[in-house]
Amino acid sequence: MDISAPAVRGATMPDPGPEPRLGVGPLGISIRLVVAVVVLMAANLVAGSVPALAMLVPGAVEALSGSSPWGFALSFAMQALVLAIVLVAVRSWMRWVERTPLREAGWRWAPRSALWALLGVVVSAASVLGVTAVLPATGPVLDERSLTGDQATTSTTVVLLVVYYLGLAFLQQGIPEELLFRGWLLWRLRDRPVIAVTVTTLAFTVIHLVSQGGQQSPAEHLIYLALPFGFALLATGLLLWTTSLWAAVGVHGGFHVGNYLAAVYLPQVDAVTSWLVVGGAQAALGLLLVVTALRRGRRILDGSS
């Protein structure tokens, strides 16, 4: 198309909207990354203080102990609080700094959103289970007592545990973290897709240095980063192909679901080996999806897809 040609009569260019109050140069990107990390840490810190406050209520210790439904209800409330805090913070930032609606960063529900979320869960969980299943076993399948903390296993306890772990996978981790990194930050850098993918993936990976996943040494904390790096790339790749943030949410939550299922149904494996192999497999698949998507001109979230 000749860019010097006169505009067609009656044609209108899309309104790009107001400029953000903060630029997208190195300083602007750095500030946004810091804000994202602070928001996530603050949300978990505030939610984590809820049990301590609840214990101040007379009789709360007895009511919340063991496998009490009230204890699970409190945990679910904490998980929902993390999501609520992150959602309010990102919405406020989008409104006052980016000067655009939250939906631009992928927070919207379309007819296919559930399908894309399910696809993400299946792809991520299946890759975790498939890779873990072929690793050399280092121990037997854990028994129910090991998984439930020596509690008496009843159907009610199992249901509550399932709800708890799904809440942990999606409400507390998958949705808020994807909204911050694969939603807001990736969207903000969408005009430079390679930089967007690189910056958001590395930032998301680095914050997991403080994660507690069974690491026993500084070296293991570094090796553990293979996991978030892998599913971050996989989440980005599916987002590019589906143009849906919910696909990324599905990948993130599906990673945790796959780990839970592997712990229940598969023999134990060496943790460090599994971090490297599972992370490497998801990273390879994610990189393939990202590269092919960008080469085919797939766009990062732009509010119109």
C-alpha atoms as a PDB file:
ATOM      1  CA  MET A   1       0.000   0.000   0.000  1.00  0.00           C
ATOM      2  CA  ASP A   2       1.292   3.455  -0.936  1.00  0.00           C
ATOM      3  CA  ILE A   3       1.363   5.411   2.301  1.00  0.00           C
ATOM      4  CA  SER A   4       1.466   8.650   0.323  1.00  0.00           C
ATOM      5  CA  ALA A   5      -1.886   7.951  -1.343  1.00  0.00           C
ATOM      6  CA  PRO A   6      -4.794  10.180  -0.274  1.00  0.00           C
ATOM      7  CA  ALA A   7      -7.183   8.776   2.271  1.00  0.00           C
ATOM      8  CA  VAL A   8     -10.395   7.252   0.996  1.00  0.00           C
ATOM      9  CA  ARG A   9     -13.311   9.639   1.449  1.00  0.00           C
ATOM     10  CA  GLY A  10     -15.315   8.785   4.505  1.00  0.00           C
ATOM     11  CA  ALA A  11     -12.655   6.506   5.952  1.00  0.00           C
ATOM     12  CA  THR A  12     -11.631   7.135   9.534  1.00  0.00           C
ATOM     13  CA  MET A  13      -8.524   6.062  11.356  1.00  0.00           C
ATOM     14  CA  PRO A  14      -9.008   4.303  14.692  1.00  0.00           C
ATOM     15  CA  ASP A  15      -8.641   6.575  17.681  1.00  0.00           C
ATOM     16  CA  PRO A  16      -5.450   5.546  19.487  1.00  0.00           C
ATOM     17  CA  GLY A  17      -6.750   7.165  22.657  1.00  0.00           C
ATOM     18  CA  PRO A  18      -4.801   9.372  25.071  1.00  0.00           C
ATOM     19  CA  GLU A  19      -1.098   8.822  25.576  1.00  0.00           C
ATOM     20  CA  PRO A  20      -0.063   7.055  28.795  1.00  0.00           C
ATOM     21  CA  ARG A  21       1.168   9.292  31.585  1.00  0.00           C
ATOM     22  CA  LEU A  22       4.327   7.169  31.813  1.00  0.00           C
ATOM     23  CA  GLY A  23       6.469   6.460  28.771  1.00  0.00           C
ATOM     24  CA  VAL A  24       7.556   3.029  27.571  1.00  0.00           C
ATOM     25  CA  GLY A  25      11.280   3.659  27.476  1.00  0.00           C
ATOM     26  CA  PRO A  26      13.712   1.856  29.787  1.00  0.00           C
ATOM     27  CA  LEU A  27      12.662   3.937  32.794  1.00  0.00           C
ATOM     28  CA  GLY A  28       8.952   3.442  32.145  1.00  0.00           C
ATOM     29  CA  ILE A  29       9.395  -0.303  31.686  1.00  0.00           C
ATOM     30  CA  SER A  30      11.483  -0.561  34.860  1.00  0.00           C
ATOM     31  CA  ILE A  31       8.907   1.341  36.913  1.00  0.00           C
ATOM     32  CA  ARG A  32       6.111  -0.886  35.646  1.00  0.00           C
ATOM     33  CA  LEU A  33       8.067  -4.029  36.503  1.00  0.00           C
ATOM     34  CA  VAL A  34       8.686  -2.774  40.027  1.00  0.00           C
ATOM     35  CA  VAL A  35       5.016  -1.855  40.423  1.00  0.00           C
ATOM     36  CA  ALA A  36       3.920  -5.305  39.228  1.00  0.00           C
ATOM     37  CA  VAL A  37       6.192  -7.061  41.732  1.00  0.00           C
ATOM     38  CA  VAL A  38       5.142  -4.744  44.587  1.00  0.00           C
ATOM     39  CA  VAL A  39       1.451  -5.251  43.821  1.00  0.00           C
ATOM     40  CA  LEU A  40       1.854  -9.029  43.787  1.00  0.00           C
ATOM     41  CA  MET A  41       3.888  -9.095  46.996  1.00  0.00           C
ATOM     42  CA  ALA A  42       1.524  -6.694  48.769  1.00  0.00           C
ATOM     43  CA  ALA A  43      -1.529  -8.722  47.768  1.00  0.00           C
ATOM     44  CA  ASN A  44      -0.031 -11.924  49.160  1.00  0.00           C
ATOM     45  CA  LEU A  45       1.217 -10.147  52.285  1.00  0.00           C
ATOM     46  CA  VAL A  46      -2.184  -8.653  53.047  1.00  0.00           C
ATOM     47  CA  ALA A  47      -3.967 -11.957  52.391  1.00  0.00           C
ATOM     48  CA  GLY A  48      -1.385 -13.811  54.453  1.00  0.00           C
ATOM     49  CA  SER A  49      -2.171 -11.629  57.457  1.00  0.00           C
ATOM     50  CA  VAL A  50      -5.816 -12.738  57.483  1.00  0.00           C
ATOM     51  CA  PRO A  51      -5.247 -15.963  59.482  1.00  0.00           C
ATOM     52  CA  ALA A  52      -3.346 -14.073  62.181  1.00  0.00           C
ATOM     53  CA  LEU A  53      -6.221 -11.618  62.506  1.00  0.00           C
ATOM     54  CA  ALA A  54      -8.773 -14.419  62.475  1.00  0.00           C
ATOM     55  CA  MET A  55      -7.006 -16.166  65.344  1.00  0.00           C
ATOM     56  CA  LEU A  56      -7.707 -13.131  67.538  1.00  0.00           C
ATOM     57  CA  VAL A  57     -11.404 -14.014  67.464  1.00  0.00           C
ATOM     58  CA  PRO A  58     -12.398 -16.082  70.532  1.00  0.00           C
ATOM     59  CA  GLY A  59     -12.832 -19.756  69.615  1.00  0.00           C
ATOM     60  CA  ALA A  60     -11.240 -19.317  66.172  1.00  0.00           C
ATOM     61  CA  VAL A  61      -8.341 -21.676  66.890  1.00  0.00           C
ATOM     62  CA  GLU A  62     -10.674 -24.600  67.528  1.00  0.00           C
ATOM     63  CA  ALA A  63     -13.018 -23.719  64.669  1.00  0.00           C
ATOM     64  CA  LEU A  64     -10.245 -23.406  62.079  1.00  0.00           C
ATOM     65  CA  SER A  65      -8.039 -26.330  63.111  1.00  0.00           C
ATOM     66  CA  GLY A  66      -7.623 -29.642  61.321  1.00  0.00           C
ATOM     67  CA  SER A  67      -9.849 -30.336  58.341  1.00  0.00           C
ATOM     68  CA  SER A  68     -12.599 -27.983  59.506  1.00  0.00           C
ATOM     69  CA  PRO A  69     -14.641 -26.545  56.617  1.00  0.00           C
ATOM     70  CA  TRP A  70     -14.184 -23.140  58.238  1.00  0.00           C
ATOM     71  CA  GLY A  71     -10.426 -23.462  57.817  1.00  0.00           C
ATOM     72  CA  PHE A  72     -10.824 -24.211  54.121  1.00  0.00           C
ATOM     73  CA  ALA A  73     -13.298 -21.325  53.811  1.00  0.00           C
ATOM     74  CA  LEU A  74     -10.719 -18.976  55.316  1.00  0.00           C
ATOM     75  CA  SER A  75      -8.075 -20.232  52.896  1.00  0.00           C
ATOM     76  CA  PHE A  76     -10.438 -19.693  49.962  1.00  0.00           C
ATOM     77  CA  ALA A  77     -11.161 -16.154  51.190  1.00  0.00           C
ATOM     78  CA  MET A  78      -7.422 -15.456  51.325  1.00  0.00           C
ATOM     79  CA  GLN A  79      -6.977 -16.709  47.776  1.00  0.00           C
ATOM     80  CA  ALA A  80      -9.861 -14.580  46.521  1.00  0.00           C
ATOM     81  CA  LEU A  81      -8.443 -11.562  48.360  1.00  0.00           C
ATOM     82  CA  VAL A  82      -5.147 -11.852  46.467  1.00  0.00           C
ATOM     83  CA  LEU A  83      -7.024 -11.765  43.170  1.00  0.00           C
ATOM     84  CA  ALA A  84      -9.228  -8.873  44.286  1.00  0.00           C
ATOM     85  CA  ILE A  85      -6.274  -6.726  45.375  1.00  0.00           C
ATOM     86  CA  VAL A  86      -4.361  -7.344  42.145  1.00  0.00           C
ATOM     87  CA  LEU A  87      -7.464  -6.688  40.040  1.00  0.00           C
ATOM     88  CA  VAL A  88      -8.210  -3.382  41.770  1.00  0.00           C
ATOM     89  CA  ALA A  89      -4.563  -2.300  41.546  1.00  0.00           C
ATOM     90  CA  VAL A  90      -4.213  -3.102  37.841  1.00  0.00           C
ATOM     91  CA  ARG A  91      -7.553  -1.516  37.024  1.00  0.00           C
ATOM     92  CA  SER A  92      -6.540   1.666  38.840  1.00  0.00           C
ATOM     93  CA  TRP A  93      -3.158   1.746  37.096  1.00  0.00           C
ATOM     94  CA  MET A  94      -4.751   1.192  33.691  1.00  0.00           C
ATOM     95  CA  ARG A  95      -7.196   4.000  34.325  1.00  0.00           C
ATOM     96  CA  TRP A  96      -4.871   6.625  35.755  1.00  0.00           C
ATOM     97  CA  VAL A  97      -1.496   5.824  34.176  1.00  0.00           C
ATOM     98  CA  GLU A  98      -2.130   3.899  30.963  1.00  0.00           C
ATOM     99  CA  ARG A  99      -5.365   5.894  30.504  1.00  0.00           C
ATOM    100  CA  THR A 100      -7.272   3.021  28.951  1.00  0.00           C
ATOM    101  CA  PRO A 101      -9.816   0.418  30.137  1.00  0.00           C
ATOM    102  CA  LEU A 102      -8.709  -2.771  31.847  1.00  0.00           C
ATOM    103  CA  ARG A 103     -10.163  -4.830  28.998  1.00  0.00           C
ATOM    104  CA  GLU A 104      -7.312  -3.639  26.765  1.00  0.00           C
ATOM    105  CA  ALA A 105      -4.967  -5.816  28.812  1.00  0.00           C
ATOM    106  CA  GLY A 106      -7.053  -8.926  28.147  1.00  0.00           C
ATOM    107  CA  TRP A 107      -9.506  -8.738  31.057  1.00  0.00           C
ATOM    108  CA  ARG A 108     -12.573  -9.585  29.008  1.00  0.00           C
ATOM    109  CA  TRP A 109     -14.721 -12.652  28.543  1.00  0.00           C
ATOM    110  CA  ALA A 110     -15.565 -13.825  25.042  1.00  0.00           C
ATOM    111  CA  PRO A 111     -17.558 -16.872  23.919  1.00  0.00           C
ATOM    112  CA  ARG A 112     -14.348 -18.856  23.407  1.00  0.00           C
ATOM    113  CA  SER A 113     -12.590 -17.760  26.601  1.00  0.00           C
ATOM    114  CA  ALA A 114     -13.570 -20.911  28.486  1.00  0.00           C
ATOM    115  CA  LEU A 115     -12.337 -23.043  25.586  1.00  0.00           C
ATOM    116  CA  TRP A 116      -8.967 -21.270  25.493  1.00  0.00           C
ATOM    117  CA  ALA A 117      -8.604 -21.578  29.280  1.00  0.00           C
ATOM    118  CA  LEU A 118      -9.368 -25.297  29.089  1.00  0.00           C
ATOM    119  CA  LEU A 119      -6.888 -25.692  26.234  1.00  0.00           C
ATOM    120  CA  GLY A 120      -4.204 -24.054  28.356  1.00  0.00           C
ATOM    121  CA  VAL A 121      -4.957 -26.326  31.302  1.00  0.00           C
ATOM    122  CA  VAL A 122      -4.852 -29.476  29.168  1.00  0.00           C
ATOM    123  CA  VAL A 123      -1.642 -28.577  27.319  1.00  0.00           C
ATOM    124  CA  SER A 124       0.195 -27.530  30.467  1.00  0.00           C
ATOM    125  CA  ALA A 125      -1.014 -30.309  32.773  1.00  0.00           C
ATOM    126  CA  ALA A 126      -0.469 -32.969  30.104  1.00  0.00           C
ATOM    127  CA  SER A 127       3.097 -31.829  29.477  1.00  0.00           C
ATOM    128  CA  VAL A 128       3.877 -31.929  33.208  1.00  0.00           C
ATOM    129  CA  LEU A 129       2.346 -35.385  33.624  1.00  0.00           C
ATOM    130  CA  GLY A 130       3.835 -36.776  30.424  1.00  0.00           C
ATOM    131  CA  VAL A 131       7.363 -35.666  31.227  1.00  0.00           C
ATOM    132  CA  THR A 132       7.150 -36.687  34.889  1.00  0.00           C
ATOM    133  CA  ALA A 133       5.848 -40.135  33.946  1.00  0.00           C
ATOM    134  CA  VAL A 134       8.972 -40.989  31.935  1.00  0.00           C
ATOM    135  CA  LEU A 135      11.468 -39.823  34.571  1.00  0.00           C
ATOM    136  CA  PRO A 136      13.193 -42.511  36.676  1.00  0.00           C
ATOM    137  CA  ALA A 137      11.260 -43.189  39.881  1.00  0.00           C
ATOM    138  CA  THR A 138      13.021 -42.484  43.160  1.00  0.00           C
ATOM    139  CA  GLY A 139      10.189 -43.618  45.421  1.00  0.00           C
ATOM    140  CA  PRO A 140       6.675 -45.057  45.452  1.00  0.00           C
ATOM    141  CA  VAL A 141       3.419 -43.217  44.942  1.00  0.00           C
ATOM    142  CA  LEU A 142       2.658 -41.243  48.109  1.00  0.00           C
ATOM    143  CA  ASP A 143      -0.140 -42.599  50.274  1.00  0.00           C
ATOM    144  CA  GLU A 144      -3.192 -40.611  51.324  1.00  0.00           C
ATOM    145  CA  ARG A 145      -1.804 -39.816  54.764  1.00  0.00           C
ATOM    146  CA  SER A 146       1.233 -38.114  53.234  1.00  0.00           C
ATOM    147  CA  LEU A 147      -0.952 -36.016  50.980  1.00  0.00           C
ATOM    148  CA  THR A 148      -3.538 -34.986  53.581  1.00  0.00           C
ATOM    149  CA  GLY A 149      -1.216 -34.385  56.506  1.00  0.00           C
ATOM    150  CA  ASP A 150      -2.277 -37.496  58.469  1.00  0.00           C
ATOM    151  CA  GLN A 151      -5.882 -36.307  58.524  1.00  0.00           C
ATOM    152  CA  ALA A 152      -8.711 -38.794  58.341  1.00  0.00           C
ATOM    153  CA  THR A 153      -9.546 -38.934  54.645  1.00  0.00           C
ATOM    154  CA  THR A 154     -13.246 -38.499  53.969  1.00  0.00           C
ATOM    155  CA  SER A 155     -15.137 -37.559  50.829  1.00  0.00           C
ATOM    156  CA  THR A 156     -15.716 -34.096  52.309  1.00  0.00           C
ATOM    157  CA  THR A 157     -12.004 -33.667  53.023  1.00  0.00           C
ATOM    158  CA  VAL A 158     -11.112 -34.687  49.474  1.00  0.00           C
ATOM    159  CA  VAL A 159     -13.586 -32.214  47.979  1.00  0.00           C
ATOM    160  CA  LEU A 160     -12.322 -29.417  50.207  1.00  0.00           C
ATOM    161  CA  LEU A 161      -8.715 -30.218  49.293  1.00  0.00           C
ATOM    162  CA  VAL A 162      -9.571 -30.138  45.577  1.00  0.00           C
ATOM    163  CA  VAL A 163     -11.265 -26.757  45.983  1.00  0.00           C
ATOM    164  CA  TYR A 164      -8.321 -25.479  48.011  1.00  0.00           C
ATOM    165  CA  TYR A 165      -5.715 -26.533  45.439  1.00  0.00           C
ATOM    166  CA  LEU A 166      -7.757 -25.186  42.520  1.00  0.00           C
ATOM    167  CA  GLY A 167      -8.098 -21.895  44.367  1.00  0.00           C
ATOM    168  CA  LEU A 168      -4.354 -21.842  44.962  1.00  0.00           C
ATOM    169  CA  ALA A 169      -3.659 -22.638  41.303  1.00  0.00           C
ATOM    170  CA  PHE A 170      -6.045 -20.116  39.783  1.00  0.00           C
ATOM    171  CA  LEU A 171      -7.360 -17.524  42.264  1.00  0.00           C
ATOM    172  CA  GLN A 172      -4.128 -16.884  44.132  1.00  0.00           C
ATOM    173  CA  GLN A 173      -1.564 -17.543  41.406  1.00  0.00           C
ATOM    174  CA  GLY A 174      -2.794 -18.150  37.867  1.00  0.00           C
ATOM    175  CA  ILE A 175      -5.236 -15.300  37.312  1.00  0.00           C
ATOM    176  CA  PRO A 176      -3.533 -12.444  39.219  1.00  0.00           C
ATOM    177  CA  GLU A 177      -0.020 -13.259  38.014  1.00  0.00           C
ATOM    178  CA  GLU A 178      -1.110 -13.662  34.395  1.00  0.00           C
ATOM    179  CA  LEU A 179      -3.088 -10.410  34.536  1.00  0.00           C
ATOM    180  CA  LEU A 180       0.060  -8.627  35.710  1.00  0.00           C
ATOM    181  CA  PHE A 181       2.645 -10.204  33.404  1.00  0.00           C
ATOM    182  CA  ARG A 182       0.919 -11.674  30.336  1.00  0.00           C
ATOM    183  CA  GLY A 183      -1.880  -9.116  30.545  1.00  0.00           C
ATOM    184  CA  TRP A 184      -0.862  -5.611  31.530  1.00  0.00           C
ATOM    185  CA  LEU A 185       2.926  -5.723  30.994  1.00  0.00           C
ATOM    186  CA  LEU A 186       2.894  -7.755  27.780  1.00  0.00           C
ATOM    187  CA  TRP A 187       0.118  -5.536  26.392  1.00  0.00           C
ATOM    188  CA  ARG A 188       1.979  -2.338  27.264  1.00  0.00           C
ATOM    189  CA  LEU A 189       5.032  -3.457  25.258  1.00  0.00           C
ATOM    190  CA  ARG A 190       2.981  -4.909  22.394  1.00  0.00           C
ATOM    191  CA  ASP A 191       4.515  -2.596  19.774  1.00  0.00           C
ATOM    192  CA  ARG A 192       7.872  -4.340  20.326  1.00  0.00           C
ATOM    193  CA  PRO A 193       6.828  -7.983  20.583  1.00  0.00           C
ATOM    194  CA  VAL A 194      10.296  -9.533  20.932  1.00  0.00           C
ATOM    195  CA  ILE A 195      11.161  -7.148  23.756  1.00  0.00           C
ATOM    196  CA  ALA A 196       7.714  -7.695  25.278  1.00  0.00           C
ATOM    197  CA  VAL A 197       8.098 -11.465  25.379  1.00  0.00           C
ATOM    198  CA  THR A 198      11.697 -11.304  26.616  1.00  0.00           C
ATOM    199  CA  VAL A 199      11.150  -8.734  29.370  1.00  0.00           C
ATOM    200  CA  THR A 200       7.936 -10.199  30.771  1.00  0.00           C
ATOM    201  CA  THR A 201       9.230 -13.774  30.695  1.00  0.00           C
ATOM    202  CA  LEU A 202      12.516 -12.951  32.414  1.00  0.00           C
ATOM    203  CA  ALA A 203      10.872 -10.703  35.010  1.00  0.00           C
ATOM    204  CA  PHE A 204       8.296 -13.368  35.816  1.00  0.00           C
ATOM    205  CA  THR A 205      11.067 -15.960  36.104  1.00  0.00           C
ATOM    206  CA  VAL A 206      13.295 -13.901  38.391  1.00  0.00           C
ATOM    207  CA  ILE A 207      10.581 -13.176  40.966  1.00  0.00           C
ATOM    208  CA  HIS A 208      10.373 -16.927  41.588  1.00  0.00           C
ATOM    209  CA  LEU A 209      13.790 -16.847  43.229  1.00  0.00           C
ATOM    210  CA  VAL A 210      11.837 -16.405  46.461  1.00  0.00           C
ATOM    211  CA  SER A 211       9.476 -19.289  45.755  1.00  0.00           C
ATOM    212  CA  GLN A 212       9.524 -22.247  48.106  1.00  0.00           C
ATOM    213  CA  GLY A 213       9.316 -25.410  46.038  1.00  0.00           C
ATOM    214  CA  GLY A 214      11.551 -27.734  48.011  1.00  0.00           C
ATOM    215  CA  GLN A 215      14.893 -26.072  47.191  1.00  0.00           C
ATOM    216  CA  GLN A 216      17.725 -26.943  49.579  1.00  0.00           C
ATOM    217  CA  SER A 217      20.512 -24.626  48.408  1.00  0.00           C
ATOM    218  CA  PRO A 218      21.163 -21.406  46.447  1.00  0.00           C
ATOM    219  CA  ALA A 219      22.024 -23.525  43.403  1.00  0.00           C
ATOM    220  CA  GLU A 220      18.664 -25.280  43.585  1.00  0.00           C
ATOM    221  CA  HIS A 221      16.886 -21.933  43.799  1.00  0.00           C
ATOM    222  CA  LEU A 222      18.480 -21.071  40.454  1.00  0.00           C
ATOM    223  CA  ILE A 223      17.685 -24.459  38.902  1.00  0.00           C
ATOM    224  CA  TYR A 224      14.076 -24.147  40.073  1.00  0.00           C
ATOM    225  CA  LEU A 225      13.694 -21.121  37.774  1.00  0.00           C
ATOM    226  CA  ALA A 226      13.483 -23.549  34.839  1.00  0.00           C
ATOM    227  CA  LEU A 227       9.852 -24.174  35.835  1.00  0.00           C
ATOM    228  CA  PRO A 228       8.475 -20.598  35.773  1.00  0.00           C
ATOM    229  CA  PHE A 229      10.588 -19.835  32.707  1.00  0.00           C
ATOM    230  CA  GLY A 230       9.100 -22.809  30.889  1.00  0.00           C
ATOM    231  CA  PHE A 231       5.434 -22.224  31.591  1.00  0.00           C
ATOM    232  CA  ALA A 232       5.836 -18.450  31.124  1.00  0.00           C
ATOM    233  CA  LEU A 233       6.963 -19.066  27.539  1.00  0.00           C
ATOM    234  CA  LEU A 234       4.211 -21.622  27.030  1.00  0.00           C
ATOM    235  CA  ALA A 235       1.605 -19.192  28.372  1.00  0.00           C
ATOM    236  CA  THR A 236       2.875 -16.450  26.071  1.00  0.00           C
ATOM    237  CA  GLY A 237       2.842 -18.751  23.056  1.00  0.00           C
ATOM    238  CA  LEU A 238      -0.766 -19.831  23.592  1.00  0.00           C
ATOM    239  CA  LEU A 239      -1.791 -16.233  24.247  1.00  0.00           C
ATOM    240  CA  LEU A 240      -0.320 -15.174  20.908  1.00  0.00           C
ATOM    241  CA  TRP A 241      -2.111 -17.934  19.009  1.00  0.00           C
ATOM    242  CA  THR A 242      -5.478 -17.524  20.745  1.00  0.00           C
ATOM    243  CA  THR A 243      -5.304 -13.737  21.448  1.00  0.00           C
ATOM    244  CA  SER A 244      -6.803 -14.591  24.845  1.00  0.00           C
ATOM    245  CA  LEU A 245      -5.368 -13.920  28.281  1.00  0.00           C
ATOM    246  CA  TRP A 246      -7.420 -16.863  29.526  1.00  0.00           C
ATOM    247  CA  ALA A 247      -5.252 -19.283  27.569  1.00  0.00           C
ATOM    248  CA  ALA A 248      -2.273 -18.018  29.570  1.00  0.00           C
ATOM    249  CA  VAL A 249      -4.277 -18.363  32.783  1.00  0.00           C
ATOM    250  CA  GLY A 250      -5.066 -21.939  31.800  1.00  0.00           C
ATOM    251  CA  VAL A 251      -1.389 -22.728  31.228  1.00  0.00           C
ATOM    252  CA  HIS A 252      -0.415 -21.261  34.590  1.00  0.00           C
ATOM    253  CA  GLY A 253      -3.148 -23.017  36.535  1.00  0.00           C
ATOM    254  CA  GLY A 254      -2.685 -26.191  34.497  1.00  0.00           C
ATOM    255  CA  PHE A 255       0.968 -26.328  35.488  1.00  0.00           C
ATOM    256  CA  HIS A 256      -0.056 -26.519  39.150  1.00  0.00           C
ATOM    257  CA  VAL A 257      -2.862 -28.978  38.400  1.00  0.00           C
ATOM    258  CA  GLY A 258      -0.348 -31.211  36.607  1.00  0.00           C
ATOM    259  CA  ASN A 259       1.963 -31.096  39.607  1.00  0.00           C
ATOM    260  CA  TYR A 260      -0.874 -31.993  41.985  1.00  0.00           C
ATOM    261  CA  LEU A 261      -1.949 -34.934  39.822  1.00  0.00           C
ATOM    262  CA  ALA A 262       1.634 -36.129  39.469  1.00  0.00           C
ATOM    263  CA  ALA A 263       2.022 -36.097  43.261  1.00  0.00           C
ATOM    264  CA  VAL A 264      -1.162 -38.144  43.681  1.00  0.00           C
ATOM    265  CA  TYR A 265      -0.891 -40.691  40.880  1.00  0.00           C
ATOM    266  CA  LEU A 266       2.764 -40.968  39.842  1.00  0.00           C
ATOM    267  CA  PRO A 267       5.821 -42.347  41.675  1.00  0.00           C
ATOM    268  CA  GLN A 268       8.172 -39.840  43.247  1.00  0.00           C
ATOM    269  CA  VAL A 269      10.982 -38.496  41.073  1.00  0.00           C
ATOM    270  CA  ASP A 270      14.128 -36.489  41.724  1.00  0.00           C
ATOM    271  CA  ALA A 271      12.972 -32.898  42.238  1.00  0.00           C
ATOM    272  CA  VAL A 272      15.927 -31.151  40.596  1.00  0.00           C
ATOM    273  CA  THR A 273      15.737 -33.400  37.535  1.00  0.00           C
ATOM    274  CA  SER A 274      12.007 -32.790  37.189  1.00  0.00           C
ATOM    275  CA  TRP A 275      12.464 -29.014  37.401  1.00  0.00           C
ATOM    276  CA  LEU A 276      14.961 -29.074  34.565  1.00  0.00           C
ATOM    277  CA  VAL A 277      13.147 -31.542  32.315  1.00  0.00           C
ATOM    278  CA  VAL A 278       9.587 -30.270  32.837  1.00  0.00           C
ATOM    279  CA  GLY A 279      10.716 -26.656  32.553  1.00  0.00           C
ATOM    280  CA  GLY A 280      12.807 -27.432  29.494  1.00  0.00           C
ATOM    281  CA  ALA A 281       9.966 -29.267  27.749  1.00  0.00           C
ATOM    282  CA  GLN A 282       7.479 -26.455  28.350  1.00  0.00           C
ATOM    283  CA  ALA A 283      10.045 -23.833  27.353  1.00  0.00           C
ATOM    284  CA  ALA A 284      10.757 -25.635  24.065  1.00  0.00           C
ATOM    285  CA  LEU A 285       7.057 -25.930  23.252  1.00  0.00           C
ATOM    286  CA  GLY A 286       6.450 -22.334  24.292  1.00  0.00           C
ATOM    287  CA  LEU A 287       9.348 -21.009  22.235  1.00  0.00           C
ATOM    288  CA  LEU A 288       8.069 -22.894  19.192  1.00  0.00           C
ATOM    289  CA  LEU A 289       4.626 -21.339  19.630  1.00  0.00           C
ATOM    290  CA  VAL A 290       6.034 -17.843  20.176  1.00  0.00           C
ATOM    291  CA  VAL A 291       8.370 -17.914  17.164  1.00  0.00           C
ATOM    292  CA  THR A 292       5.787 -19.354  14.764  1.00  0.00           C
ATOM    293  CA  ALA A 293       3.126 -16.943  16.025  1.00  0.00           C
ATOM    294  CA  LEU A 294       5.308 -13.866  15.560  1.00  0.00           C
ATOM    295  CA  ARG A 295       6.440 -15.029  12.119  1.00  0.00           C
ATOM    296  CA  ARG A 296       2.813 -15.384  11.085  1.00  0.00           C
ATOM    297  CA  GLY A 297       2.053 -11.884  12.295  1.00  0.00           C
ATOM    298  CA  ARG A 298       0.053 -12.828  15.368  1.00  0.00           C
ATOM    299  CA  ARG A 299      -0.480  -9.799  17.574  1.00  0.00           C
ATOM    300  CA  ILE A 300      -0.192  -9.307  21.289  1.00  0.00           C
ATOM    301  CA  LEU A 301      -3.397  -8.245  23.040  1.00  0.00           C
ATOM    302  CA  ASP A 302      -4.617  -4.980  21.602  1.00  0.00           C
ATOM    303  CA  GLY A 303      -8.166  -4.688  22.952  1.00  0.00           C
ATOM    304  CA  SER A 304      -9.800  -5.404  19.600  1.00  0.00           C
ATOM    305  CA  SER A 305      -9.147  -9.154  19.372  1.00  0.00           C
END
